[in-house]
């Protein structure tokens, strides 16, 4: 699946650099711009500074501030920014937390390129209307 995300900025919030590299590699042919932030607090500060962002890929387990809390706070500041939760947690309390976070979608780890592209494409179509 080929998709052109030229002029789109994807903010990847994940405390593990290899996860950032993996996602960036999976999306390398999309022509998107990438920003790496290491925790939810950095993501909130980035949004408060009104920097460029078209979609956020948010991990849920991070130090300082987890992705669920960051998602809730970002949605209060900028409800129109789509936030996709990326997680390996698929059951129990973590699943309920994700469902209550106000996120716009979820991708499960290990992230499959086609699933990621599909979720991103839906967000860009949804928010371009």
C-alpha atoms as a PDB file:
ATOM      1  CA  UNK A   1       0.000   0.000   0.000  1.00  0.00           C
ATOM      2  CA  UNK A   2       1.477   3.318  -1.109  1.00  0.00           C
ATOM      3  CA  UNK A   3       0.340   6.575   0.471  1.00  0.00           C
ATOM      4  CA  UNK A   4       1.703  10.089   0.106  1.00  0.00           C
ATOM      5  CA  UNK A   5       1.825  12.052   3.351  1.00  0.00           C
ATOM      6  CA  UNK A   6       3.934  14.890   1.992  1.00  0.00           C
ATOM      7  CA  UNK A   7       3.660  17.998   4.173  1.00  0.00           C
ATOM      8  CA  UNK A   8       2.204  15.925   7.044  1.00  0.00           C
ATOM      9  CA  UNK A   9       3.946  15.885  10.410  1.00  0.00           C
ATOM     10  CA  UNK A  10       3.670  12.720  12.458  1.00  0.00           C
ATOM     11  CA  UNK A  11       4.640  13.102  16.100  1.00  0.00           C
ATOM     12  CA  UNK A  12       5.788   9.812  17.598  1.00  0.00           C
ATOM     13  CA  UNK A  13       5.675   9.776  21.392  1.00  0.00           C
ATOM     14  CA  UNK A  14       7.602   6.780  22.713  1.00  0.00           C
ATOM     15  CA  UNK A  15      10.324   6.483  25.338  1.00  0.00           C
ATOM     16  CA  UNK A  16      12.154   3.804  23.351  1.00  0.00           C
ATOM     17  CA  UNK A  17      14.231   5.103  20.447  1.00  0.00           C
ATOM     18  CA  UNK A  18      14.093   1.794  18.583  1.00  0.00           C
ATOM     19  CA  UNK A  19      10.280   2.052  18.456  1.00  0.00           C
ATOM     20  CA  UNK A  20      10.604   5.520  16.913  1.00  0.00           C
ATOM     21  CA  UNK A  21      13.090   4.187  14.356  1.00  0.00           C
ATOM     22  CA  UNK A  22      10.836   1.227  13.559  1.00  0.00           C
ATOM     23  CA  UNK A  23       7.790   3.394  12.907  1.00  0.00           C
ATOM     24  CA  UNK A  24       9.807   5.907  10.917  1.00  0.00           C
ATOM     25  CA  UNK A  25      11.235   3.060   8.823  1.00  0.00           C
ATOM     26  CA  UNK A  26       7.783   1.597   8.212  1.00  0.00           C
ATOM     27  CA  UNK A  27       6.590   4.995   6.968  1.00  0.00           C
ATOM     28  CA  UNK A  28       9.762   5.995   5.088  1.00  0.00           C
ATOM     29  CA  UNK A  29       8.112   5.951   1.642  1.00  0.00           C
ATOM     30  CA  UNK A  30       5.237   8.202   2.691  1.00  0.00           C
ATOM     31  CA  UNK A  31       7.236  11.459   2.505  1.00  0.00           C
ATOM     32  CA  UNK A  32       5.964  12.460   5.968  1.00  0.00           C
ATOM     33  CA  UNK A  33       7.918  14.560   8.461  1.00  0.00           C
ATOM     34  CA  UNK A  34       8.629  12.964  11.842  1.00  0.00           C
ATOM     35  CA  UNK A  35       9.122  14.327  15.340  1.00  0.00           C
ATOM     36  CA  UNK A  36      10.206  12.112  18.243  1.00  0.00           C
ATOM     37  CA  UNK A  37       9.128  12.946  21.786  1.00  0.00           C
ATOM     38  CA  UNK A  38      10.050  10.705  24.722  1.00  0.00           C
ATOM     39  CA  UNK A  39       7.064  11.023  27.083  1.00  0.00           C
ATOM     40  CA  UNK A  40       3.600  12.456  27.534  1.00  0.00           C
ATOM     41  CA  UNK A  41       4.833  15.626  29.215  1.00  0.00           C
ATOM     42  CA  UNK A  42       7.012  16.459  26.207  1.00  0.00           C
ATOM     43  CA  UNK A  43       3.985  15.892  23.968  1.00  0.00           C
ATOM     44  CA  UNK A  44       1.833  18.305  25.966  1.00  0.00           C
ATOM     45  CA  UNK A  45       4.558  20.956  25.893  1.00  0.00           C
ATOM     46  CA  UNK A  46       4.965  20.460  22.137  1.00  0.00           C
ATOM     47  CA  UNK A  47       1.228  21.011  21.601  1.00  0.00           C
ATOM     48  CA  UNK A  48       1.150  24.026  23.946  1.00  0.00           C
ATOM     49  CA  UNK A  49       3.918  25.610  21.864  1.00  0.00           C
ATOM     50  CA  UNK A  50       1.611  25.212  18.837  1.00  0.00           C
ATOM     51  CA  UNK A  51       4.220  23.409  16.797  1.00  0.00           C
ATOM     52  CA  UNK A  52       3.311  21.613  13.596  1.00  0.00           C
ATOM     53  CA  UNK A  53       1.464  18.313  14.067  1.00  0.00           C
ATOM     54  CA  UNK A  54      -1.000  16.449  11.888  1.00  0.00           C
ATOM     55  CA  UNK A  55      -1.255  13.233  13.908  1.00  0.00           C
ATOM     56  CA  UNK A  56       0.244  11.832  17.102  1.00  0.00           C
ATOM     57  CA  UNK A  57       1.260   8.198  17.575  1.00  0.00           C
ATOM     58  CA  UNK A  58       1.188   7.819  21.362  1.00  0.00           C
ATOM     59  CA  UNK A  59       2.687   4.949  23.344  1.00  0.00           C
ATOM     60  CA  UNK A  60       0.895   4.313  26.626  1.00  0.00           C
ATOM     61  CA  UNK A  61       3.692   3.122  28.916  1.00  0.00           C
ATOM     62  CA  UNK A  62       6.265   5.866  29.384  1.00  0.00           C
ATOM     63  CA  UNK A  63       8.054   7.557  32.284  1.00  0.00           C
ATOM     64  CA  UNK A  64       7.113  11.013  33.589  1.00  0.00           C
ATOM     65  CA  UNK A  65       3.620  10.899  32.031  1.00  0.00           C
ATOM     66  CA  UNK A  66       1.940   7.936  30.383  1.00  0.00           C
ATOM     67  CA  UNK A  67       0.212   8.144  27.035  1.00  0.00           C
ATOM     68  CA  UNK A  68      -3.345   7.780  28.325  1.00  0.00           C
ATOM     69  CA  UNK A  69      -3.012  10.816  30.605  1.00  0.00           C
ATOM     70  CA  UNK A  70      -1.199  12.780  27.896  1.00  0.00           C
ATOM     71  CA  UNK A  71      -3.915  11.936  25.372  1.00  0.00           C
ATOM     72  CA  UNK A  72      -6.652  13.178  27.705  1.00  0.00           C
ATOM     73  CA  UNK A  73      -4.794  16.446  28.342  1.00  0.00           C
ATOM     74  CA  UNK A  74      -3.922  17.048  24.686  1.00  0.00           C
ATOM     75  CA  UNK A  75      -7.558  16.493  23.703  1.00  0.00           C
ATOM     76  CA  UNK A  76      -8.504  19.264  26.165  1.00  0.00           C
ATOM     77  CA  UNK A  77      -5.951  21.627  24.612  1.00  0.00           C
ATOM     78  CA  UNK A  78      -6.349  20.660  20.943  1.00  0.00           C
ATOM     79  CA  UNK A  79      -9.304  18.332  20.359  1.00  0.00           C
ATOM     80  CA  UNK A  80      -8.863  18.354  16.580  1.00  0.00           C
ATOM     81  CA  UNK A  81      -5.428  16.714  16.609  1.00  0.00           C
ATOM     82  CA  UNK A  82      -5.875  13.009  15.933  1.00  0.00           C
ATOM     83  CA  UNK A  83      -4.118  10.763  18.436  1.00  0.00           C
ATOM     84  CA  UNK A  84      -3.469   7.108  17.686  1.00  0.00           C
ATOM     85  CA  UNK A  85      -2.546   5.000  20.703  1.00  0.00           C
ATOM     86  CA  UNK A  86       0.184   2.432  20.045  1.00  0.00           C
ATOM     87  CA  UNK A  87       0.282  -0.369  22.552  1.00  0.00           C
ATOM     88  CA  UNK A  88       1.022  -3.995  23.296  1.00  0.00           C
ATOM     89  CA  UNK A  89      -1.730  -4.022  25.957  1.00  0.00           C
ATOM     90  CA  UNK A  90      -4.890  -5.536  24.573  1.00  0.00           C
ATOM     91  CA  UNK A  91      -6.811  -6.658  27.663  1.00  0.00           C
ATOM     92  CA  UNK A  92      -8.023  -5.651  31.084  1.00  0.00           C
ATOM     93  CA  UNK A  93      -7.596  -2.256  32.682  1.00  0.00           C
ATOM     94  CA  UNK A  94      -5.176  -1.019  29.998  1.00  0.00           C
ATOM     95  CA  UNK A  95      -7.804  -1.628  27.308  1.00  0.00           C
ATOM     96  CA  UNK A  96     -10.407   0.253  29.355  1.00  0.00           C
ATOM     97  CA  UNK A  97      -7.968   3.139  29.905  1.00  0.00           C
ATOM     98  CA  UNK A  98      -7.388   3.367  26.149  1.00  0.00           C
ATOM     99  CA  UNK A  99     -11.128   3.299  25.466  1.00  0.00           C
ATOM    100  CA  UNK A 100     -11.637   6.177  27.940  1.00  0.00           C
ATOM    101  CA  UNK A 101      -8.719   8.275  26.699  1.00  0.00           C
ATOM    102  CA  UNK A 102     -10.553  10.036  23.848  1.00  0.00           C
ATOM    103  CA  UNK A 103      -8.002   8.704  21.349  1.00  0.00           C
ATOM    104  CA  UNK A 104      -8.929   8.526  17.678  1.00  0.00           C
ATOM    105  CA  UNK A 105      -7.607   5.047  17.011  1.00  0.00           C
ATOM    106  CA  UNK A 106      -5.340   2.256  18.152  1.00  0.00           C
ATOM    107  CA  UNK A 107      -2.539   0.216  16.611  1.00  0.00           C
ATOM    108  CA  UNK A 108      -1.241  -2.825  18.404  1.00  0.00           C
ATOM    109  CA  UNK A 109       2.396  -3.793  18.795  1.00  0.00           C
ATOM    110  CA  UNK A 110       4.119  -5.327  17.052  1.00  0.00           C
ATOM    111  CA  UNK A 111       2.991  -2.726  14.549  1.00  0.00           C
ATOM    112  CA  UNK A 112       2.278  -4.035  11.071  1.00  0.00           C
ATOM    113  CA  UNK A 113       2.990  -1.460   8.376  1.00  0.00           C
ATOM    114  CA  UNK A 114      -0.275  -1.999   6.481  1.00  0.00           C
ATOM    115  CA  UNK A 115      -2.341  -1.580   9.663  1.00  0.00           C
ATOM    116  CA  UNK A 116      -0.479   1.605  10.565  1.00  0.00           C
ATOM    117  CA  UNK A 117      -0.950   3.090   7.091  1.00  0.00           C
ATOM    118  CA  UNK A 118      -4.653   2.211   7.168  1.00  0.00           C
ATOM    119  CA  UNK A 119      -5.207   3.845  10.573  1.00  0.00           C
ATOM    120  CA  UNK A 120      -3.257   6.970   9.555  1.00  0.00           C
ATOM    121  CA  UNK A 121      -5.074   7.261   6.225  1.00  0.00           C
ATOM    122  CA  UNK A 122      -8.452   7.135   7.973  1.00  0.00           C
ATOM    123  CA  UNK A 123      -7.392   9.939  10.301  1.00  0.00           C
ATOM    124  CA  UNK A 124      -6.199  12.195   7.498  1.00  0.00           C
ATOM    125  CA  UNK A 125      -9.416  11.621   5.549  1.00  0.00           C
ATOM    126  CA  UNK A 126     -11.532  12.178   8.685  1.00  0.00           C
ATOM    127  CA  UNK A 127      -9.816  15.443   9.634  1.00  0.00           C
ATOM    128  CA  UNK A 128      -9.544  16.878   6.128  1.00  0.00           C
ATOM    129  CA  UNK A 129     -13.326  17.234   5.796  1.00  0.00           C
END
